[in-house]
Amino acid sequence: MPHYERILLTGAAGRLGTVLRAGLAPLASKIRLAARKPIDDLRPNEEQAIFDLADMEATIAATEGCDAIVHFGGAAVESPWQTILDANIRGSYHIYEGARKHGAKRVVYASSVHAIGYHELEAHIGVDAPVRPDSLYGVSKNFVESLSRLYWDKFGIESACLRIFSSFPEPTDRRHLWSYLSFDDCVRLVEASLTAPRVGHTISFGISDNKVKAVDNSGANHLGYIPLDNSEPFRAKVESSTPIPDPKASATRYLGGFFCELGHPDDEPHQ
């Protein structure tokens, strides 16, 4: 028996959204895929809603009939301020307003390591460490974490904010050897966040069971997330093909990696 009647998945055409489409299928009778362009390969348990998160009316309409929302949409990297404002800040507000108006019980939000990117690697922070964003993108994640806290305290909407580190098919640089989140573990984390008996307002790190433990995720143990993958199968390949990083460089010292070395995105044309 599915846990939910209908889950709204934003960012359904993105890298992680594509993975979650299949991974979340057993949890709901219907998965409503949200994207800015039509999705051609709908499966029998899928439907779609095509809109831009910056469009408040369309976003709120897409939440109707959904008892849970997996919010992975928005700008996925550092971007010009207007993009961050419209896609990540306004867009996420629209999602939470939709949840409030249409009675969604739980939101699983794709936050990011960049919400705490200026903590040093050896600090080994927990989920309750002060926020230290490394970019405007990181600031937008802090905003939504705070917004979701308000919507839990004031309106009773549960949220799991998942600070995802580096989720790719496999690690490609030495930082990824400690920050890697496999696609399968990403699905496990979202599934745990949707099925835990009580979430309230939870912040969790999204990271696999890597040999180097960069952070302490014990404050989110109540989600029941158990990572089964790690970066060790890729270590030899990565270490033989990438140089040893400068230990004094910001990209090496801080959790946020090269985001800590980026300038303001509006200072020059964004690539």
C-alpha atoms as a PDB file:
ATOM      1  CA  MET A   1       0.000   0.000   0.000  1.00  0.00           C
ATOM      2  CA  PRO A   2       1.576   3.354  -1.001  1.00  0.00           C
ATOM      3  CA  HIS A   3       2.305   5.867   1.752  1.00  0.00           C
ATOM      4  CA  TYR A   4       0.810   8.718  -0.276  1.00  0.00           C
ATOM      5  CA  GLU A   5      -1.907   9.230  -2.814  1.00  0.00           C
ATOM      6  CA  ARG A   6       0.080  11.781  -4.838  1.00  0.00           C
ATOM      7  CA  ILE A   7       3.603  13.192  -4.523  1.00  0.00           C
ATOM      8  CA  LEU A   8       4.634  16.349  -6.362  1.00  0.00           C
ATOM      9  CA  LEU A   9       8.252  16.133  -7.549  1.00  0.00           C
ATOM     10  CA  THR A  10       9.723  19.453  -8.659  1.00  0.00           C
ATOM     11  CA  GLY A  11      12.878  19.507 -10.756  1.00  0.00           C
ATOM     12  CA  ALA A  12      11.688  16.226 -12.256  1.00  0.00           C
ATOM     13  CA  ALA A  13      13.748  16.686 -15.424  1.00  0.00           C
ATOM     14  CA  GLY A  14      16.981  17.425 -13.548  1.00  0.00           C
ATOM     15  CA  ARG A  15      19.851  15.099 -12.664  1.00  0.00           C
ATOM     16  CA  LEU A  16      18.457  13.993  -9.296  1.00  0.00           C
ATOM     17  CA  GLY A  17      14.824  14.436 -10.253  1.00  0.00           C
ATOM     18  CA  THR A  18      15.272  11.891 -13.027  1.00  0.00           C
ATOM     19  CA  VAL A  19      16.688   9.406 -10.521  1.00  0.00           C
ATOM     20  CA  LEU A  20      13.904  10.075  -8.014  1.00  0.00           C
ATOM     21  CA  ARG A  21      11.139   9.458 -10.553  1.00  0.00           C
ATOM     22  CA  ALA A  22      11.787   5.729 -10.440  1.00  0.00           C
ATOM     23  CA  GLY A  23      12.943   5.598  -6.843  1.00  0.00           C
ATOM     24  CA  LEU A  24       9.807   7.185  -5.409  1.00  0.00           C
ATOM     25  CA  ALA A  25       7.323   5.290  -7.583  1.00  0.00           C
ATOM     26  CA  PRO A  26       6.447   2.680  -4.901  1.00  0.00           C
ATOM     27  CA  LEU A  27       5.607   5.398  -2.360  1.00  0.00           C
ATOM     28  CA  ALA A  28       2.607   6.964  -4.121  1.00  0.00           C
ATOM     29  CA  SER A  29      -0.286   6.032  -6.346  1.00  0.00           C
ATOM     30  CA  LYS A  30       0.689   8.965  -8.563  1.00  0.00           C
ATOM     31  CA  ILE A  31       3.862  11.001  -9.011  1.00  0.00           C
ATOM     32  CA  ARG A  32       3.187  14.458 -10.413  1.00  0.00           C
ATOM     33  CA  LEU A  33       6.290  15.582 -12.290  1.00  0.00           C
ATOM     34  CA  ALA A  34       6.924  19.322 -12.292  1.00  0.00           C
ATOM     35  CA  ALA A  35       9.183  20.793 -14.953  1.00  0.00           C
ATOM     36  CA  ARG A  36       9.466  23.848 -17.187  1.00  0.00           C
ATOM     37  CA  LYS A  37       9.253  21.812 -20.393  1.00  0.00           C
ATOM     38  CA  PRO A  38       7.073  18.806 -21.258  1.00  0.00           C
ATOM     39  CA  ILE A  39       8.342  15.343 -20.314  1.00  0.00           C
ATOM     40  CA  ASP A  40       7.846  12.867 -23.149  1.00  0.00           C
ATOM     41  CA  ASP A  41       8.367   9.503 -21.450  1.00  0.00           C
ATOM     42  CA  LEU A  42       5.614   9.455 -18.812  1.00  0.00           C
ATOM     43  CA  ARG A  43       5.143   6.141 -17.034  1.00  0.00           C
ATOM     44  CA  PRO A  44       1.729   4.755 -16.053  1.00  0.00           C
ATOM     45  CA  ASN A  45       1.939   6.111 -12.491  1.00  0.00           C
ATOM     46  CA  GLU A  46       3.122   9.580 -13.601  1.00  0.00           C
ATOM     47  CA  GLU A  47       1.438  12.820 -14.592  1.00  0.00           C
ATOM     48  CA  GLN A  48       3.018  16.172 -15.312  1.00  0.00           C
ATOM     49  CA  ALA A  49       2.601  19.830 -14.520  1.00  0.00           C
ATOM     50  CA  ILE A  50       4.524  22.269 -16.711  1.00  0.00           C
ATOM     51  CA  PHE A  51       5.253  25.638 -15.093  1.00  0.00           C
ATOM     52  CA  ASP A  52       7.947  27.974 -13.814  1.00  0.00           C
ATOM     53  CA  LEU A  53       8.454  28.113 -10.048  1.00  0.00           C
ATOM     54  CA  ALA A  54       8.496  31.918 -10.291  1.00  0.00           C
ATOM     55  CA  ASP A  55       4.832  31.783 -11.355  1.00  0.00           C
ATOM     56  CA  MET A  56       2.992  31.806  -8.037  1.00  0.00           C
ATOM     57  CA  GLU A  57      -0.450  30.941  -9.380  1.00  0.00           C
ATOM     58  CA  ALA A  58       0.808  28.018 -11.474  1.00  0.00           C
ATOM     59  CA  THR A  59       3.027  26.666  -8.698  1.00  0.00           C
ATOM     60  CA  ILE A  60       0.268  26.725  -6.117  1.00  0.00           C
ATOM     61  CA  ALA A  61      -2.115  25.077  -8.602  1.00  0.00           C
ATOM     62  CA  ALA A  62       0.392  22.255  -9.139  1.00  0.00           C
ATOM     63  CA  THR A  63       0.335  21.406  -5.426  1.00  0.00           C
ATOM     64  CA  GLU A  64      -3.412  20.748  -5.374  1.00  0.00           C
ATOM     65  CA  GLY A  65      -4.227  17.150  -4.566  1.00  0.00           C
ATOM     66  CA  CYS A  66      -0.696  16.357  -3.384  1.00  0.00           C
ATOM     67  CA  ASP A  67      -0.211  15.056   0.145  1.00  0.00           C
ATOM     68  CA  ALA A  68       3.599  15.289  -0.050  1.00  0.00           C
ATOM     69  CA  ILE A  69       6.056  17.411  -2.013  1.00  0.00           C
ATOM     70  CA  VAL A  70       9.644  16.538  -2.946  1.00  0.00           C
ATOM     71  CA  HIS A  71      11.059  19.933  -3.858  1.00  0.00           C
ATOM     72  CA  PHE A  72      14.207  19.500  -5.962  1.00  0.00           C
ATOM     73  CA  GLY A  73      13.475  22.292  -8.455  1.00  0.00           C
ATOM     74  CA  GLY A  74      15.171  25.660  -8.898  1.00  0.00           C
ATOM     75  CA  ALA A  75      18.623  26.899  -9.834  1.00  0.00           C
ATOM     76  CA  ALA A  76      21.098  24.111  -9.050  1.00  0.00           C
ATOM     77  CA  VAL A  77      24.324  26.142  -8.949  1.00  0.00           C
ATOM     78  CA  GLU A  78      25.509  29.660  -8.179  1.00  0.00           C
ATOM     79  CA  SER A  79      23.607  31.995 -10.503  1.00  0.00           C
ATOM     80  CA  PRO A  80      22.823  35.682 -10.997  1.00  0.00           C
ATOM     81  CA  TRP A  81      20.817  37.207  -8.164  1.00  0.00           C
ATOM     82  CA  GLN A  82      17.630  37.548 -10.199  1.00  0.00           C
ATOM     83  CA  THR A  83      17.695  33.835 -11.037  1.00  0.00           C
ATOM     84  CA  ILE A  84      18.293  32.884  -7.402  1.00  0.00           C
ATOM     85  CA  LEU A  85      15.521  35.220  -6.258  1.00  0.00           C
ATOM     86  CA  ASP A  86      12.932  33.968  -8.740  1.00  0.00           C
ATOM     87  CA  ALA A  87      13.719  30.252  -8.909  1.00  0.00           C
ATOM     88  CA  ASN A  88      14.931  29.433  -5.405  1.00  0.00           C
ATOM     89  CA  ILE A  89      13.504  32.031  -3.038  1.00  0.00           C
ATOM     90  CA  ARG A  90      10.205  33.053  -4.601  1.00  0.00           C
ATOM     91  CA  GLY A  91       9.719  29.607  -6.096  1.00  0.00           C
ATOM     92  CA  SER A  92      10.149  27.849  -2.756  1.00  0.00           C
ATOM     93  CA  TYR A  93       7.804  30.296  -1.044  1.00  0.00           C
ATOM     94  CA  HIS A  94       5.223  29.426  -3.678  1.00  0.00           C
ATOM     95  CA  ILE A  95       5.728  25.712  -2.947  1.00  0.00           C
ATOM     96  CA  TYR A  96       5.163  26.202   0.774  1.00  0.00           C
ATOM     97  CA  GLU A  97       2.134  28.372   0.176  1.00  0.00           C
ATOM     98  CA  GLY A  98       0.759  25.642  -2.042  1.00  0.00           C
ATOM     99  CA  ALA A  99       1.397  23.090   0.695  1.00  0.00           C
ATOM    100  CA  ARG A 100      -0.393  25.291   3.235  1.00  0.00           C
ATOM    101  CA  LYS A 101      -3.390  26.062   1.050  1.00  0.00           C
ATOM    102  CA  HIS A 102      -3.854  22.539  -0.276  1.00  0.00           C
ATOM    103  CA  GLY A 103      -2.998  20.530   2.813  1.00  0.00           C
ATOM    104  CA  ALA A 104       0.250  18.775   1.895  1.00  0.00           C
ATOM    105  CA  LYS A 105       1.476  16.966   4.982  1.00  0.00           C
ATOM    106  CA  ARG A 106       5.210  16.867   4.354  1.00  0.00           C
ATOM    107  CA  VAL A 107       7.860  18.563   2.202  1.00  0.00           C
ATOM    108  CA  VAL A 108      11.251  17.056   1.425  1.00  0.00           C
ATOM    109  CA  TYR A 109      13.527  19.883   0.339  1.00  0.00           C
ATOM    110  CA  ALA A 110      16.805  19.661  -1.556  1.00  0.00           C
ATOM    111  CA  SER A 111      18.977  21.976   0.498  1.00  0.00           C
ATOM    112  CA  SER A 112      22.729  21.912   0.009  1.00  0.00           C
ATOM    113  CA  VAL A 113      26.159  21.720   1.581  1.00  0.00           C
ATOM    114  CA  HIS A 114      26.483  25.297   0.343  1.00  0.00           C
ATOM    115  CA  ALA A 115      24.171  26.408   3.150  1.00  0.00           C
ATOM    116  CA  ILE A 116      27.081  25.650   5.501  1.00  0.00           C
ATOM    117  CA  GLY A 117      29.917  25.865   2.972  1.00  0.00           C
ATOM    118  CA  TYR A 118      32.225  28.145   4.980  1.00  0.00           C
ATOM    119  CA  HIS A 119      32.675  25.673   7.830  1.00  0.00           C
ATOM    120  CA  GLU A 120      36.119  24.104   7.739  1.00  0.00           C
ATOM    121  CA  LEU A 121      36.393  20.429   6.926  1.00  0.00           C
ATOM    122  CA  GLU A 122      38.068  19.514  10.211  1.00  0.00           C
ATOM    123  CA  ALA A 123      35.325  21.236  12.269  1.00  0.00           C
ATOM    124  CA  HIS A 124      33.203  18.092  11.813  1.00  0.00           C
ATOM    125  CA  ILE A 125      29.972  19.992  12.312  1.00  0.00           C
ATOM    126  CA  GLY A 126      26.571  18.571  13.176  1.00  0.00           C
ATOM    127  CA  VAL A 127      23.216  19.424  11.673  1.00  0.00           C
ATOM    128  CA  ASP A 128      22.663  22.146  14.291  1.00  0.00           C
ATOM    129  CA  ALA A 129      25.804  24.149  13.431  1.00  0.00           C
ATOM    130  CA  PRO A 130      25.281  27.826  12.534  1.00  0.00           C
ATOM    131  CA  VAL A 131      24.633  28.465   8.876  1.00  0.00           C
ATOM    132  CA  ARG A 132      27.603  29.756   6.881  1.00  0.00           C
ATOM    133  CA  PRO A 133      26.589  30.051   3.230  1.00  0.00           C
ATOM    134  CA  ASP A 134      29.314  30.230   0.612  1.00  0.00           C
ATOM    135  CA  SER A 135      27.272  31.840  -2.205  1.00  0.00           C
ATOM    136  CA  LEU A 136      23.980  33.464  -3.103  1.00  0.00           C
ATOM    137  CA  TYR A 137      22.869  29.943  -3.947  1.00  0.00           C
ATOM    138  CA  GLY A 138      23.740  28.919  -0.381  1.00  0.00           C
ATOM    139  CA  VAL A 139      21.834  31.918   0.985  1.00  0.00           C
ATOM    140  CA  SER A 140      18.746  30.753  -0.895  1.00  0.00           C
ATOM    141  CA  LYS A 141      19.049  27.377   0.806  1.00  0.00           C
ATOM    142  CA  ASN A 142      19.285  29.078   4.212  1.00  0.00           C
ATOM    143  CA  PHE A 143      16.159  31.053   3.355  1.00  0.00           C
ATOM    144  CA  VAL A 144      14.133  27.952   2.560  1.00  0.00           C
ATOM    145  CA  GLU A 145      15.399  26.110   5.636  1.00  0.00           C
ATOM    146  CA  SER A 146      14.178  29.065   7.710  1.00  0.00           C
ATOM    147  CA  LEU A 147      10.916  29.303   5.759  1.00  0.00           C
ATOM    148  CA  SER A 148      10.250  25.608   6.308  1.00  0.00           C
ATOM    149  CA  ARG A 149      10.873  26.066  10.035  1.00  0.00           C
ATOM    150  CA  LEU A 150       8.192  28.752  10.115  1.00  0.00           C
ATOM    151  CA  TYR A 151       5.727  26.590   8.213  1.00  0.00           C
ATOM    152  CA  TRP A 152       6.281  23.739  10.689  1.00  0.00           C
ATOM    153  CA  ASP A 153       5.965  25.883  13.818  1.00  0.00           C
ATOM    154  CA  LYS A 154       3.054  27.991  12.594  1.00  0.00           C
ATOM    155  CA  PHE A 155       1.174  25.746  10.153  1.00  0.00           C
ATOM    156  CA  GLY A 156       2.216  22.191  11.082  1.00  0.00           C
ATOM    157  CA  ILE A 157       3.774  21.268   7.737  1.00  0.00           C
ATOM    158  CA  GLU A 158       6.627  18.828   8.317  1.00  0.00           C
ATOM    159  CA  SER A 159       9.871  19.358   6.418  1.00  0.00           C
ATOM    160  CA  ALA A 160      13.064  17.407   5.929  1.00  0.00           C
ATOM    161  CA  CYS A 161      15.769  19.734   4.576  1.00  0.00           C
ATOM    162  CA  LEU A 162      18.452  17.600   2.967  1.00  0.00           C
ATOM    163  CA  ARG A 163      21.842  19.292   2.684  1.00  0.00           C
ATOM    164  CA  ILE A 164      23.047  17.375  -0.341  1.00  0.00           C
ATOM    165  CA  PHE A 165      26.802  17.286  -0.863  1.00  0.00           C
ATOM    166  CA  SER A 166      28.052  15.837  -4.190  1.00  0.00           C
ATOM    167  CA  SER A 167      25.539  13.567  -5.900  1.00  0.00           C
ATOM    168  CA  PHE A 168      26.819  12.307  -9.245  1.00  0.00           C
ATOM    169  CA  PRO A 169      27.100   8.916 -10.956  1.00  0.00           C
ATOM    170  CA  GLU A 170      30.597   8.610  -9.449  1.00  0.00           C
ATOM    171  CA  PRO A 171      33.245  10.802  -7.787  1.00  0.00           C
ATOM    172  CA  THR A 172      35.345  12.813 -10.242  1.00  0.00           C
ATOM    173  CA  ASP A 173      37.744  14.689  -7.939  1.00  0.00           C
ATOM    174  CA  ARG A 174      39.421  14.231  -4.568  1.00  0.00           C
ATOM    175  CA  ARG A 175      36.850  16.331  -2.712  1.00  0.00           C
ATOM    176  CA  HIS A 176      34.180  13.908  -3.866  1.00  0.00           C
ATOM    177  CA  LEU A 177      35.954  11.099  -2.020  1.00  0.00           C
ATOM    178  CA  TRP A 178      34.495  12.520   1.208  1.00  0.00           C
ATOM    179  CA  SER A 179      31.472  14.456  -0.153  1.00  0.00           C
ATOM    180  CA  TYR A 180      30.027  11.754  -2.429  1.00  0.00           C
ATOM    181  CA  LEU A 181      26.314  10.904  -2.310  1.00  0.00           C
ATOM    182  CA  SER A 182      25.454   8.021  -4.635  1.00  0.00           C
ATOM    183  CA  PHE A 183      22.221   8.180  -6.607  1.00  0.00           C
ATOM    184  CA  ASP A 184      20.938   5.116  -4.757  1.00  0.00           C
ATOM    185  CA  ASP A 185      21.722   6.692  -1.378  1.00  0.00           C
ATOM    186  CA  CYS A 186      19.985   9.876  -2.502  1.00  0.00           C
ATOM    187  CA  VAL A 187      16.839   7.848  -3.170  1.00  0.00           C
ATOM    188  CA  ARG A 188      17.234   6.125   0.209  1.00  0.00           C
ATOM    189  CA  LEU A 189      17.502   9.490   1.960  1.00  0.00           C
ATOM    190  CA  VAL A 190      14.404  10.933   0.285  1.00  0.00           C
ATOM    191  CA  GLU A 191      12.466   7.718   0.889  1.00  0.00           C
ATOM    192  CA  ALA A 192      13.423   7.774   4.587  1.00  0.00           C
ATOM    193  CA  SER A 193      12.333  11.410   4.804  1.00  0.00           C
ATOM    194  CA  LEU A 194       8.949  10.538   3.318  1.00  0.00           C
ATOM    195  CA  THR A 195       8.303   7.446   5.417  1.00  0.00           C
ATOM    196  CA  ALA A 196       9.718   8.347   8.848  1.00  0.00           C
ATOM    197  CA  PRO A 197       6.874   8.338  11.387  1.00  0.00           C
ATOM    198  CA  ARG A 198       7.666  11.883  12.499  1.00  0.00           C
ATOM    199  CA  VAL A 199       9.886  14.483  10.867  1.00  0.00           C
ATOM    200  CA  GLY A 200       8.783  17.793  12.383  1.00  0.00           C
ATOM    201  CA  HIS A 201      11.489  20.093  11.102  1.00  0.00           C
ATOM    202  CA  THR A 202      14.640  18.114  10.356  1.00  0.00           C
ATOM    203  CA  ILE A 203      17.933  19.059   8.768  1.00  0.00           C
ATOM    204  CA  SER A 204      19.972  16.145   7.462  1.00  0.00           C
ATOM    205  CA  PHE A 205      23.228  15.886   5.561  1.00  0.00           C
ATOM    206  CA  GLY A 206      22.975  14.133   2.211  1.00  0.00           C
ATOM    207  CA  ILE A 207      26.127  12.074   2.023  1.00  0.00           C
ATOM    208  CA  SER A 208      27.096   8.429   1.563  1.00  0.00           C
ATOM    209  CA  ASP A 209      29.025   6.279   4.039  1.00  0.00           C
ATOM    210  CA  ASN A 210      32.422   7.524   2.904  1.00  0.00           C
ATOM    211  CA  LYS A 211      35.661   6.608   4.663  1.00  0.00           C
ATOM    212  CA  VAL A 212      36.326  10.213   5.685  1.00  0.00           C
ATOM    213  CA  LYS A 213      33.466  11.407   7.889  1.00  0.00           C
ATOM    214  CA  ALA A 214      33.327  15.118   7.174  1.00  0.00           C
ATOM    215  CA  VAL A 215      30.186  15.848   9.219  1.00  0.00           C
ATOM    216  CA  ASP A 216      28.122  14.377  12.061  1.00  0.00           C
ATOM    217  CA  ASN A 217      24.626  13.441  10.881  1.00  0.00           C
ATOM    218  CA  SER A 218      23.476  11.829  14.139  1.00  0.00           C
ATOM    219  CA  GLY A 219      21.034  14.695  14.748  1.00  0.00           C
ATOM    220  CA  ALA A 220      18.936  13.299  11.889  1.00  0.00           C
ATOM    221  CA  ASN A 221      19.038   9.643  12.939  1.00  0.00           C
ATOM    222  CA  HIS A 222      15.283   9.644  13.515  1.00  0.00           C
ATOM    223  CA  LEU A 223      14.783   9.697   9.740  1.00  0.00           C
ATOM    224  CA  GLY A 224      16.113   6.158   9.556  1.00  0.00           C
ATOM    225  CA  TYR A 225      18.439   6.914   6.643  1.00  0.00           C
ATOM    226  CA  ILE A 226      21.130   4.244   6.307  1.00  0.00           C
ATOM    227  CA  PRO A 227      23.586   4.890   3.445  1.00  0.00           C
ATOM    228  CA  LEU A 228      24.785   1.724   1.776  1.00  0.00           C
ATOM    229  CA  ASP A 229      27.330   3.154  -0.668  1.00  0.00           C
ATOM    230  CA  ASN A 230      30.705   4.884  -0.347  1.00  0.00           C
ATOM    231  CA  SER A 231      33.414   6.370  -2.534  1.00  0.00           C
ATOM    232  CA  GLU A 232      36.102   3.738  -1.936  1.00  0.00           C
ATOM    233  CA  PRO A 233      35.500   1.798  -5.186  1.00  0.00           C
ATOM    234  CA  PHE A 234      36.449   4.977  -7.055  1.00  0.00           C
ATOM    235  CA  ARG A 235      39.432   6.059  -4.948  1.00  0.00           C
ATOM    236  CA  ALA A 236      42.230   4.568  -7.061  1.00  0.00           C
ATOM    237  CA  LYS A 237      40.821   6.025 -10.272  1.00  0.00           C
ATOM    238  CA  VAL A 238      40.332   9.491  -8.757  1.00  0.00           C
ATOM    239  CA  GLU A 239      43.731   9.637  -7.055  1.00  0.00           C
ATOM    240  CA  SER A 240      45.565   8.498 -10.176  1.00  0.00           C
ATOM    241  CA  SER A 241      43.877  11.057 -12.424  1.00  0.00           C
ATOM    242  CA  THR A 242      43.682  14.203 -10.259  1.00  0.00           C
ATOM    243  CA  PRO A 243      46.414  16.287  -8.573  1.00  0.00           C
ATOM    244  CA  ILE A 244      46.804  16.605  -4.820  1.00  0.00           C
ATOM    245  CA  PRO A 245      45.007  19.837  -3.846  1.00  0.00           C
ATOM    246  CA  ASP A 246      46.634  22.759  -2.050  1.00  0.00           C
ATOM    247  CA  PRO A 247      45.714  22.287   1.642  1.00  0.00           C
ATOM    248  CA  LYS A 248      45.638  26.073   2.167  1.00  0.00           C
ATOM    249  CA  ALA A 249      43.219  26.764  -0.677  1.00  0.00           C
ATOM    250  CA  SER A 250      39.662  27.722   0.231  1.00  0.00           C
ATOM    251  CA  ALA A 251      38.354  24.985  -2.039  1.00  0.00           C
ATOM    252  CA  THR A 252      40.234  22.463   0.116  1.00  0.00           C
ATOM    253  CA  ARG A 253      39.714  23.977   3.574  1.00  0.00           C
ATOM    254  CA  TYR A 254      35.972  24.516   3.475  1.00  0.00           C
ATOM    255  CA  LEU A 255      33.006  22.200   3.047  1.00  0.00           C
ATOM    256  CA  GLY A 256      31.720  24.255   0.113  1.00  0.00           C
ATOM    257  CA  GLY A 257      34.727  23.537  -2.079  1.00  0.00           C
ATOM    258  CA  PHE A 258      35.235  25.801  -5.085  1.00  0.00           C
ATOM    259  CA  PHE A 259      32.032  27.740  -4.311  1.00  0.00           C
ATOM    260  CA  CYS A 260      34.102  29.461  -1.606  1.00  0.00           C
ATOM    261  CA  GLU A 261      36.376  30.872  -4.318  1.00  0.00           C
ATOM    262  CA  LEU A 262      33.650  32.226  -6.582  1.00  0.00           C
ATOM    263  CA  GLY A 263      33.095  35.959  -6.860  1.00  0.00           C
ATOM    264  CA  HIS A 264      29.722  37.665  -6.985  1.00  0.00           C
ATOM    265  CA  PRO A 265      27.829  36.185  -9.942  1.00  0.00           C
ATOM    266  CA  ASP A 266      26.609  39.578 -11.114  1.00  0.00           C
ATOM    267  CA  ASP A 267      30.111  41.038 -11.452  1.00  0.00           C
ATOM    268  CA  GLU A 268      30.752  39.372 -14.797  1.00  0.00           C
ATOM    269  CA  PRO A 269      28.767  37.418 -17.375  1.00  0.00           C
ATOM    270  CA  HIS A 270      27.706  34.113 -15.822  1.00  0.00           C
ATOM    271  CA  GLN A 271      28.981  31.035 -17.579  1.00  0.00           C
END
